[in-house]
């Protein structure tokens, strides 16, 4: 759950306890909220439990859990975390940078070579570009300020 800009997970059943109000209470702080891609992504925390599909921010990059994990630092060559790229400001929101190992489906957006791209269909390993490929060029990203 989120509370006052942070994400908490219940360690056990609780009722009425305010997250963060008791040091050894039912609520464990997972991390701060960070807007990245299509929703809120938390900072990775060693004590948190993550399951397949959970996304975290670590060292300026977004990672997605492939299976249950706890305490495994994102970024290794093997392990439960898949690198989804860095967050890039598109002007209205943030998107991830394109990564060759990531599977994208129709509608997914990425930043690549200074442009915002949207997947037309399922793709993996195909660099954005070209008129007939799986990527549609949505235009140049705004200059960083």
Protein backbone atom coordinates (compact mmCIF):
# COMPACT_ATOMS: atom_id res chain seq x y z
CA UNK A 1 0.00 0.00 0.00
CA UNK A 2 1.07 3.61 -0.35
CA UNK A 3 0.99 6.11 2.49
CA UNK A 4 2.44 9.64 2.59
CA UNK A 5 4.70 9.13 -0.44
CA UNK A 6 6.06 5.73 0.58
CA UNK A 7 5.19 2.12 -0.18
CA UNK A 8 4.55 -0.33 2.66
CA UNK A 9 3.86 -4.05 2.80
CA UNK A 10 2.08 -5.82 5.65
CA UNK A 11 4.24 -8.30 7.57
CA UNK A 12 1.14 -9.84 9.16
CA UNK A 13 -2.55 -9.10 9.58
CA UNK A 14 -3.16 -5.64 10.96
CA UNK A 15 -6.04 -3.29 11.64
CA UNK A 16 -5.78 0.38 12.51
CA UNK A 17 -1.98 0.62 12.68
CA UNK A 18 -0.68 3.61 10.73
CA UNK A 19 2.18 2.59 8.41
CA UNK A 20 5.53 3.79 9.77
CA UNK A 21 4.16 4.67 13.22
CA UNK A 22 5.65 1.65 15.01
CA UNK A 23 9.31 0.74 14.43
CA UNK A 24 8.75 -3.03 14.63
CA UNK A 25 5.11 -2.90 13.60
CA UNK A 26 3.06 -4.74 11.03
CA UNK A 27 4.02 -2.41 8.18
CA UNK A 28 7.46 -2.68 6.56
CA UNK A 29 8.54 0.26 4.43
CA UNK A 30 9.42 -0.97 0.93
CA UNK A 31 10.57 2.34 -0.56
CA UNK A 32 9.62 5.74 -1.88
CA UNK A 33 7.32 6.17 -4.87
CA UNK A 34 8.95 7.12 -8.14
CA UNK A 35 7.00 7.79 -11.29
CA UNK A 36 8.49 5.80 -14.09
CA UNK A 37 6.90 4.31 -17.19
CA UNK A 38 3.19 3.51 -16.85
CA UNK A 39 2.72 3.78 -13.11
CA UNK A 40 4.44 4.10 -9.81
CA UNK A 41 7.63 2.12 -9.33
CA UNK A 42 9.32 1.82 -5.93
CA UNK A 43 12.98 2.01 -5.04
CA UNK A 44 14.48 -1.46 -4.54
CA UNK A 45 14.83 -2.44 -0.87
CA UNK A 46 16.79 -5.48 0.33
CA UNK A 47 14.22 -6.43 2.97
CA UNK A 48 11.22 -6.38 0.62
CA UNK A 49 9.75 -9.46 -1.03
CA UNK A 50 9.13 -9.17 -4.77
CA UNK A 51 7.19 -11.50 -7.05
CA UNK A 52 7.19 -11.97 -10.82
CA UNK A 53 6.16 -8.75 -12.55
CA UNK A 54 7.09 -6.37 -9.71
CA UNK A 55 9.08 -3.37 -10.95
CA UNK A 56 11.67 -1.42 -8.98
CA UNK A 57 14.10 1.42 -9.55
CA UNK A 58 17.72 0.73 -8.64
CA UNK A 59 20.79 2.78 -9.55
CA UNK A 60 18.80 4.91 -12.01
CA UNK A 61 17.36 1.94 -13.93
CA UNK A 62 14.07 0.03 -13.89
CA UNK A 63 14.16 -3.72 -13.16
CA UNK A 64 11.35 -6.29 -13.30
CA UNK A 65 11.29 -9.44 -11.17
CA UNK A 66 11.09 -12.69 -13.16
CA UNK A 67 10.26 -14.72 -10.05
CA UNK A 68 10.03 -14.44 -6.26
CA UNK A 69 13.06 -12.71 -4.75
CA UNK A 70 14.26 -11.04 -1.58
CA UNK A 71 17.65 -9.45 -0.98
CA UNK A 72 19.02 -10.06 -4.49
CA UNK A 73 20.43 -6.77 -5.81
CA UNK A 74 19.15 -5.87 -9.29
CA UNK A 75 21.72 -5.56 -12.05
CA UNK A 76 23.57 -8.87 -12.04
CA UNK A 77 24.20 -10.87 -15.20
CA UNK A 78 21.90 -13.61 -13.93
CA UNK A 79 19.22 -13.80 -11.30
CA UNK A 80 15.63 -12.74 -10.88
CA UNK A 81 15.90 -9.17 -12.22
CA UNK A 82 15.42 -8.15 -15.86
CA UNK A 83 16.77 -4.74 -16.84
CA UNK A 84 13.99 -2.66 -18.37
CA UNK A 85 16.15 0.41 -19.05
CA UNK A 86 16.55 3.89 -17.65
CA UNK A 87 13.70 6.33 -17.21
CA UNK A 88 13.59 9.18 -19.69
CA UNK A 89 11.32 12.23 -19.45
CA UNK A 90 8.99 12.41 -22.48
CA UNK A 91 7.58 15.79 -21.43
CA UNK A 92 4.28 14.51 -20.03
CA UNK A 93 5.48 11.32 -18.38
CA UNK A 94 8.54 9.13 -18.12
CA UNK A 95 9.32 6.16 -20.33
CA UNK A 96 12.00 3.51 -20.26
CA UNK A 97 14.85 3.40 -22.72
CA UNK A 98 14.68 0.60 -25.27
CA UNK A 99 16.48 -2.61 -24.21
CA UNK A 100 17.18 -5.45 -26.63
CA UNK A 101 16.36 -8.16 -24.07
CA UNK A 102 12.93 -6.79 -23.17
CA UNK A 103 9.69 -8.12 -24.66
CA UNK A 104 7.37 -5.33 -25.81
CA UNK A 105 3.73 -5.65 -26.79
CA UNK A 106 1.46 -3.39 -28.85
CA UNK A 107 1.15 0.01 -27.19
CA UNK A 108 4.38 -0.13 -25.13
CA UNK A 109 6.44 3.04 -25.44
CA UNK A 110 10.22 3.48 -25.24
CA UNK A 111 12.81 6.17 -25.69
CA UNK A 112 15.47 5.48 -28.32
CA UNK A 113 17.89 7.73 -30.19
CA UNK A 114 16.18 10.91 -28.96
CA UNK A 115 12.71 9.83 -30.08
CA UNK A 116 9.63 8.32 -28.45
CA UNK A 117 8.59 5.01 -30.08
CA UNK A 118 5.47 2.88 -29.70
CA UNK A 119 5.30 -0.86 -30.39
CA UNK A 120 2.83 -1.85 -33.10
CA UNK A 121 2.92 -5.53 -32.09
CA UNK A 122 4.94 -8.01 -29.99
CA UNK A 123 8.67 -7.52 -30.47
CA UNK A 124 11.98 -8.39 -28.84
CA UNK A 125 15.46 -7.43 -29.99
CA UNK A 126 14.29 -5.30 -32.94
CA UNK A 127 15.76 -1.82 -32.63
CA UNK A 128 13.27 1.03 -33.15
CA UNK A 129 13.54 2.58 -36.60
CA UNK A 130 12.40 2.02 -40.14
CA UNK A 131 9.01 2.55 -41.66
CA UNK A 132 7.76 -1.06 -41.77
CA UNK A 133 9.06 -2.54 -38.50
CA UNK A 134 7.31 -3.11 -35.19
CA UNK A 135 8.00 0.45 -33.97
CA UNK A 136 6.10 3.66 -34.75
CA UNK A 137 8.05 6.91 -34.33
CA UNK A 138 5.99 9.29 -32.17
CA UNK A 139 8.46 12.15 -32.56
CA UNK A 140 11.44 13.73 -30.87
CA UNK A 141 11.68 13.78 -27.10
CA UNK A 142 11.88 17.23 -25.49
CA UNK A 143 15.37 18.47 -24.67
CA UNK A 144 16.45 17.79 -21.08
CA UNK A 145 16.47 20.87 -18.88
